[in-house]
Amino acid sequence: MQVVRGKRIRTLYSPEQIAQRNNELAAQIKGGPIQDLLVISVLKGSFIFAADLIRAMHATGLAPEVEFITLSSYGKGTVSQGVKIIKDIDSDVHGRDILLIDDILESGRTLRFAKELMYERGARHVTIAVLLDKRVKRQTELEADYVGFECPDYFVVGYGMDVAYAFRELPFVGVVEGDDE
C-alpha cells in the first residue's frame, strides 16, 4: 500500500510484473505473421504501456512504425452512444498489419470502432494488445489478441491510467482504496 496525494493505493500489478509481461507479449507479437507493422497507440491511457511494449518489441528485433489516435465515447450522461475521433493518425494503413495498443479492454466499443476503422481504410490485418482485460464489463464480441493481465472489477490507476487526471505517473497498476487517515 502506498499513499499518493492523500490516497491509499494498493498495488495490483507491480512494475516488475508489468515489465516481465511486456517482454512476454513482445515475444508473442514477434512470433505472429507480421508484415509492414504499424503500431497505433490509443491515447491517452495507453501511452506508458505502448512505449514499454514497443521497446520490448524492439529488443526482439521488431521495428514497427508508431502512430497515435485519440478516440472518445460520447453520449448523454454515462450512456455511450458512439465513438468519435479526436485526433487521427497520419499514416496510410492500406495493406499493412496494424497492432492497436490500449491500456484496458472493458466494454470493447472503442477498440471495436478502431479495429473496424482500420479495416475500412484497407488494413491487411488488425490485432489488439491491451495491458488489462476486464471481461466483466464487455458489451461487444471483441477479444484482444494479446493481453497483459486479466483485470478484476476494480477502478485501476497508474501506468498511464488516471482518475481525474491524477496517478498516470505511477510505475504500477493499483486500486485507490481511500483517503489516508
C-alpha atoms as a PDB file:
ATOM      1  CA  MET A   1       0.000   0.000   0.000  1.00  0.00           C
ATOM      2  CA  GLN A   2       1.329   3.429  -0.933  1.00  0.00           C
ATOM      3  CA  VAL A   3      -0.034   6.841  -0.099  1.00  0.00           C
ATOM      4  CA  VAL A   4      -0.095   9.192  -3.073  1.00  0.00           C
ATOM      5  CA  ARG A   5      -1.742  12.620  -2.911  1.00  0.00           C
ATOM      6  CA  GLY A   6      -3.510  11.602   0.273  1.00  0.00           C
ATOM      7  CA  LYS A   7      -4.996   8.443  -1.240  1.00  0.00           C
ATOM      8  CA  ARG A   8      -4.111   4.868  -0.282  1.00  0.00           C
ATOM      9  CA  ILE A   9      -3.280   2.916  -3.417  1.00  0.00           C
ATOM     10  CA  ARG A  10      -2.963  -0.854  -3.295  1.00  0.00           C
ATOM     11  CA  THR A  11      -0.669  -2.374  -5.909  1.00  0.00           C
ATOM     12  CA  LEU A  12      -2.466  -4.776  -8.242  1.00  0.00           C
ATOM     13  CA  TYR A  13       0.410  -5.331 -10.718  1.00  0.00           C
ATOM     14  CA  SER A  14       3.962  -4.325  -9.789  1.00  0.00           C
ATOM     15  CA  PRO A  15       6.499  -2.682 -12.098  1.00  0.00           C
ATOM     16  CA  GLU A  16       8.402  -5.978 -12.214  1.00  0.00           C
ATOM     17  CA  GLN A  17       5.311  -7.995 -13.160  1.00  0.00           C
ATOM     18  CA  ILE A  18       4.448  -5.478 -15.869  1.00  0.00           C
ATOM     19  CA  ALA A  19       7.985  -5.462 -17.317  1.00  0.00           C
ATOM     20  CA  GLN A  20       8.093  -9.260 -17.427  1.00  0.00           C
ATOM     21  CA  ARG A  21       4.681  -9.424 -19.089  1.00  0.00           C
ATOM     22  CA  ASN A  22       5.670  -6.777 -21.663  1.00  0.00           C
ATOM     23  CA  ASN A  23       8.649  -8.931 -22.660  1.00  0.00           C
ATOM     24  CA  GLU A  24       6.401 -11.985 -22.976  1.00  0.00           C
ATOM     25  CA  LEU A  25       3.865 -10.059 -25.074  1.00  0.00           C
ATOM     26  CA  ALA A  26       6.632  -8.730 -27.343  1.00  0.00           C
ATOM     27  CA  ALA A  27       7.843 -12.284 -27.940  1.00  0.00           C
ATOM     28  CA  GLN A  28       4.276 -13.392 -28.774  1.00  0.00           C
ATOM     29  CA  ILE A  29       3.834 -10.493 -31.193  1.00  0.00           C
ATOM     30  CA  LYS A  30       7.197 -11.257 -32.831  1.00  0.00           C
ATOM     31  CA  GLY A  31       6.025 -14.858 -33.331  1.00  0.00           C
ATOM     32  CA  GLY A  32       2.972 -13.785 -35.311  1.00  0.00           C
ATOM     33  CA  PRO A  33       2.721 -13.370 -39.077  1.00  0.00           C
ATOM     34  CA  ILE A  34       3.754  -9.716 -39.324  1.00  0.00           C
ATOM     35  CA  GLN A  35       4.404  -7.671 -42.438  1.00  0.00           C
ATOM     36  CA  ASP A  36       4.959  -3.917 -42.526  1.00  0.00           C
ATOM     37  CA  LEU A  37       3.802  -3.416 -38.923  1.00  0.00           C
ATOM     38  CA  LEU A  38       2.237  -0.157 -37.805  1.00  0.00           C
ATOM     39  CA  VAL A  39       1.592   0.194 -34.080  1.00  0.00           C
ATOM     40  CA  ILE A  40      -1.217   2.565 -33.146  1.00  0.00           C
ATOM     41  CA  SER A  41      -1.413   3.644 -29.521  1.00  0.00           C
ATOM     42  CA  VAL A  42      -4.885   4.648 -28.374  1.00  0.00           C
ATOM     43  CA  LEU A  43      -4.361   7.743 -26.229  1.00  0.00           C
ATOM     44  CA  LYS A  44      -4.299   8.791 -23.506  1.00  0.00           C
ATOM     45  CA  GLY A  45      -4.207   5.885 -21.082  1.00  0.00           C
ATOM     46  CA  SER A  46      -2.039   3.563 -23.173  1.00  0.00           C
ATOM     47  CA  PHE A  47       0.971   5.825 -23.648  1.00  0.00           C
ATOM     48  CA  ILE A  48       3.222   4.253 -20.991  1.00  0.00           C
ATOM     49  CA  PHE A  49       2.219   0.681 -21.821  1.00  0.00           C
ATOM     50  CA  ALA A  50       2.669   1.371 -25.545  1.00  0.00           C
ATOM     51  CA  ALA A  51       6.139   2.881 -25.028  1.00  0.00           C
ATOM     52  CA  ASP A  52       7.327  -0.027 -22.893  1.00  0.00           C
ATOM     53  CA  LEU A  53       5.803  -2.662 -25.180  1.00  0.00           C
ATOM     54  CA  ILE A  54       7.314  -1.038 -28.282  1.00  0.00           C
ATOM     55  CA  ARG A  55      10.750  -1.004 -26.609  1.00  0.00           C
ATOM     56  CA  ALA A  56      10.296  -4.677 -25.683  1.00  0.00           C
ATOM     57  CA  MET A  57       9.321  -5.387 -29.311  1.00  0.00           C
ATOM     58  CA  HIS A  58      12.475  -3.592 -30.466  1.00  0.00           C
ATOM     59  CA  ALA A  59      14.537  -5.913 -28.244  1.00  0.00           C
ATOM     60  CA  THR A  60      13.059  -8.883 -30.168  1.00  0.00           C
ATOM     61  CA  GLY A  61      14.125  -7.371 -33.490  1.00  0.00           C
ATOM     62  CA  LEU A  62      10.808  -5.813 -34.472  1.00  0.00           C
ATOM     63  CA  ALA A  63      10.994  -2.246 -35.725  1.00  0.00           C
ATOM     64  CA  PRO A  64       7.418  -1.045 -36.199  1.00  0.00           C
ATOM     65  CA  GLU A  65       6.342   2.418 -37.186  1.00  0.00           C
ATOM     66  CA  VAL A  66       4.340   4.119 -34.437  1.00  0.00           C
ATOM     67  CA  GLU A  67       1.242   6.308 -34.589  1.00  0.00           C
ATOM     68  CA  PHE A  68      -1.249   7.709 -32.092  1.00  0.00           C
ATOM     69  CA  ILE A  69      -5.004   8.058 -32.199  1.00  0.00           C
ATOM     70  CA  THR A  70      -7.298   9.707 -29.673  1.00  0.00           C
ATOM     71  CA  LEU A  71     -10.848   8.396 -29.507  1.00  0.00           C
ATOM     72  CA  SER A  72     -13.727   9.409 -27.279  1.00  0.00           C
ATOM     73  CA  SER A  73     -17.018   7.793 -26.421  1.00  0.00           C
ATOM     74  CA  TYR A  74     -19.870  10.240 -26.463  1.00  0.00           C
ATOM     75  CA  GLY A  75     -23.469  10.308 -25.394  1.00  0.00           C
ATOM     76  CA  LYS A  76     -25.707  11.649 -22.677  1.00  0.00           C
ATOM     77  CA  GLY A  77     -24.582  11.190 -19.105  1.00  0.00           C
ATOM     78  CA  THR A  78     -22.864   7.874 -18.591  1.00  0.00           C
ATOM     79  CA  VAL A  79     -24.516   6.162 -21.568  1.00  0.00           C
ATOM     80  CA  SER A  80     -22.191   5.912 -24.556  1.00  0.00           C
ATOM     81  CA  GLN A  81     -23.864   6.301 -27.916  1.00  0.00           C
ATOM     82  CA  GLY A  82     -20.812   6.051 -30.130  1.00  0.00           C
ATOM     83  CA  VAL A  83     -17.147   6.777 -30.645  1.00  0.00           C
ATOM     84  CA  LYS A  84     -15.621   9.809 -32.300  1.00  0.00           C
ATOM     85  CA  ILE A  85     -12.097  10.523 -33.470  1.00  0.00           C
ATOM     86  CA  ILE A  86     -10.469  13.387 -31.570  1.00  0.00           C
ATOM     87  CA  LYS A  87      -7.014  13.017 -33.166  1.00  0.00           C
ATOM     88  CA  ASP A  88      -6.480  10.741 -36.157  1.00  0.00           C
ATOM     89  CA  ILE A  89      -3.342   9.008 -37.397  1.00  0.00           C
ATOM     90  CA  ASP A  90      -1.356  10.413 -40.316  1.00  0.00           C
ATOM     91  CA  SER A  91      -0.203   7.135 -41.880  1.00  0.00           C
ATOM     92  CA  ASP A  92      -1.849   5.204 -44.673  1.00  0.00           C
ATOM     93  CA  VAL A  93      -2.824   1.779 -43.318  1.00  0.00           C
ATOM     94  CA  HIS A  94      -3.707   0.225 -46.691  1.00  0.00           C
ATOM     95  CA  GLY A  95      -2.167  -3.249 -46.995  1.00  0.00           C
ATOM     96  CA  ARG A  96      -0.425  -3.010 -43.611  1.00  0.00           C
ATOM     97  CA  ASP A  97      -0.540  -5.050 -40.443  1.00  0.00           C
ATOM     98  CA  ILE A  98      -1.853  -2.941 -37.573  1.00  0.00           C
ATOM     99  CA  LEU A  99      -1.349  -3.507 -33.858  1.00  0.00           C
ATOM    100  CA  LEU A 100      -3.724  -1.390 -31.770  1.00  0.00           C
ATOM    101  CA  ILE A 101      -2.416  -0.854 -28.240  1.00  0.00           C
ATOM    102  CA  ASP A 102      -4.711   0.240 -25.434  1.00  0.00           C
ATOM    103  CA  ASP A 103      -4.498   0.307 -21.666  1.00  0.00           C
ATOM    104  CA  ILE A 104      -7.670  -1.578 -20.824  1.00  0.00           C
ATOM    105  CA  LEU A 105     -10.349  -3.504 -22.686  1.00  0.00           C
ATOM    106  CA  GLU A 106     -13.658  -3.019 -20.913  1.00  0.00           C
ATOM    107  CA  SER A 107     -16.864  -2.555 -22.941  1.00  0.00           C
ATOM    108  CA  GLY A 108     -14.985  -3.105 -26.204  1.00  0.00           C
ATOM    109  CA  ARG A 109     -16.818  -0.372 -28.083  1.00  0.00           C
ATOM    110  CA  THR A 110     -13.840   1.943 -28.581  1.00  0.00           C
ATOM    111  CA  LEU A 111     -11.433  -0.778 -29.691  1.00  0.00           C
ATOM    112  CA  ARG A 112     -14.059  -2.363 -31.935  1.00  0.00           C
ATOM    113  CA  PHE A 113     -14.543   1.039 -33.569  1.00  0.00           C
ATOM    114  CA  ALA A 114     -10.770   1.437 -34.061  1.00  0.00           C
ATOM    115  CA  LYS A 115     -10.368  -2.073 -35.464  1.00  0.00           C
ATOM    116  CA  GLU A 116     -13.263  -1.649 -37.901  1.00  0.00           C
ATOM    117  CA  LEU A 117     -11.910   1.770 -38.928  1.00  0.00           C
ATOM    118  CA  MET A 118      -8.515   0.280 -39.805  1.00  0.00           C
ATOM    119  CA  TYR A 119     -10.142  -2.459 -41.886  1.00  0.00           C
ATOM    120  CA  GLU A 120     -12.345   0.136 -43.647  1.00  0.00           C
ATOM    121  CA  ARG A 121      -9.151   2.006 -44.526  1.00  0.00           C
ATOM    122  CA  GLY A 122      -7.663  -1.114 -46.088  1.00  0.00           C
ATOM    123  CA  ALA A 123      -5.506  -2.655 -43.368  1.00  0.00           C
ATOM    124  CA  ARG A 124      -4.322  -6.175 -44.203  1.00  0.00           C
ATOM    125  CA  HIS A 125      -4.633  -7.452 -40.633  1.00  0.00           C
ATOM    126  CA  VAL A 126      -5.535  -5.783 -37.311  1.00  0.00           C
ATOM    127  CA  THR A 127      -4.610  -7.149 -33.891  1.00  0.00           C
ATOM    128  CA  ILE A 128      -5.126  -5.724 -30.427  1.00  0.00           C
ATOM    129  CA  ALA A 129      -2.805  -5.630 -27.415  1.00  0.00           C
ATOM    130  CA  VAL A 130      -4.110  -4.466 -24.045  1.00  0.00           C
ATOM    131  CA  LEU A 131      -2.429  -4.260 -20.694  1.00  0.00           C
ATOM    132  CA  LEU A 132      -5.638  -5.174 -18.870  1.00  0.00           C
ATOM    133  CA  ASP A 133      -8.694  -7.154 -19.911  1.00  0.00           C
ATOM    134  CA  LYS A 134     -11.785  -6.515 -17.783  1.00  0.00           C
ATOM    135  CA  ARG A 135     -14.133  -9.120 -19.251  1.00  0.00           C
ATOM    136  CA  VAL A 136     -16.879  -8.462 -16.711  1.00  0.00           C
ATOM    137  CA  LYS A 137     -17.539  -5.086 -18.418  1.00  0.00           C
ATOM    138  CA  ARG A 138     -17.609  -6.380 -22.025  1.00  0.00           C
ATOM    139  CA  GLN A 139     -20.539  -5.220 -24.141  1.00  0.00           C
ATOM    140  CA  THR A 140     -19.328  -6.450 -27.536  1.00  0.00           C
ATOM    141  CA  GLU A 141     -17.963  -9.642 -29.063  1.00  0.00           C
ATOM    142  CA  LEU A 142     -14.423  -8.226 -29.161  1.00  0.00           C
ATOM    143  CA  GLU A 143     -11.397 -10.023 -27.704  1.00  0.00           C
ATOM    144  CA  ALA A 144      -7.803  -8.816 -27.552  1.00  0.00           C
ATOM    145  CA  ASP A 145      -5.125 -10.848 -29.296  1.00  0.00           C
ATOM    146  CA  TYR A 146      -2.506 -10.030 -26.661  1.00  0.00           C
ATOM    147  CA  VAL A 147      -3.428  -9.481 -23.010  1.00  0.00           C
ATOM    148  CA  GLY A 148      -1.107  -8.416 -20.234  1.00  0.00           C
ATOM    149  CA  PHE A 149      -3.342  -9.284 -17.298  1.00  0.00           C
ATOM    150  CA  GLU A 150      -6.940 -10.185 -16.543  1.00  0.00           C
ATOM    151  CA  CYS A 151      -8.350  -7.297 -14.506  1.00  0.00           C
ATOM    152  CA  PRO A 152     -10.781  -7.782 -11.649  1.00  0.00           C
ATOM    153  CA  ASP A 153     -13.716  -5.389 -11.493  1.00  0.00           C
ATOM    154  CA  TYR A 154     -11.798  -2.539  -9.861  1.00  0.00           C
ATOM    155  CA  PHE A 155     -11.242   1.019 -10.973  1.00  0.00           C
ATOM    156  CA  VAL A 156      -7.499   0.993 -11.615  1.00  0.00           C
ATOM    157  CA  VAL A 157      -4.919   3.765 -11.852  1.00  0.00           C
ATOM    158  CA  GLY A 158      -1.243   4.087 -12.652  1.00  0.00           C
ATOM    159  CA  TYR A 159       0.973   3.066 -15.555  1.00  0.00           C
ATOM    160  CA  GLY A 160      -0.806   5.672 -17.713  1.00  0.00           C
ATOM    161  CA  MET A 161      -4.318   5.244 -16.332  1.00  0.00           C
ATOM    162  CA  ASP A 162      -5.849   8.046 -14.309  1.00  0.00           C
ATOM    163  CA  VAL A 163      -8.677   9.253 -12.184  1.00  0.00           C
ATOM    164  CA  ALA A 164      -9.430  12.948 -12.737  1.00  0.00           C
ATOM    165  CA  TYR A 165      -6.041  13.297 -14.497  1.00  0.00           C
ATOM    166  CA  ALA A 166      -4.132  12.033 -11.447  1.00  0.00           C
ATOM    167  CA  PHE A 167      -1.945   8.964 -10.871  1.00  0.00           C
ATOM    168  CA  ARG A 168      -0.899   8.347 -14.518  1.00  0.00           C
ATOM    169  CA  GLU A 169       2.765   8.578 -13.470  1.00  0.00           C
ATOM    170  CA  LEU A 170       2.691   5.627 -11.073  1.00  0.00           C
ATOM    171  CA  PRO A 171       5.024   2.806 -12.207  1.00  0.00           C
ATOM    172  CA  PHE A 172       2.486   0.153 -11.192  1.00  0.00           C
ATOM    173  CA  VAL A 173      -1.226  -0.563 -11.662  1.00  0.00           C
ATOM    174  CA  GLY A 174      -3.138  -0.006  -8.462  1.00  0.00           C
ATOM    175  CA  VAL A 175      -6.519   0.380  -6.864  1.00  0.00           C
ATOM    176  CA  VAL A 176      -7.445   3.523  -4.952  1.00  0.00           C
ATOM    177  CA  GLU A 177      -8.538   2.315  -1.528  1.00  0.00           C
ATOM    178  CA  GLY A 178      -9.471   5.655   0.018  1.00  0.00           C
ATOM    179  CA  ASP A 179      -8.176   8.638   1.914  1.00  0.00           C
ATOM    180  CA  ASP A 180      -5.158   8.374   4.172  1.00  0.00           C
ATOM    181  CA  GLU A 181      -6.289   8.851   7.751  1.00  0.00           C
END
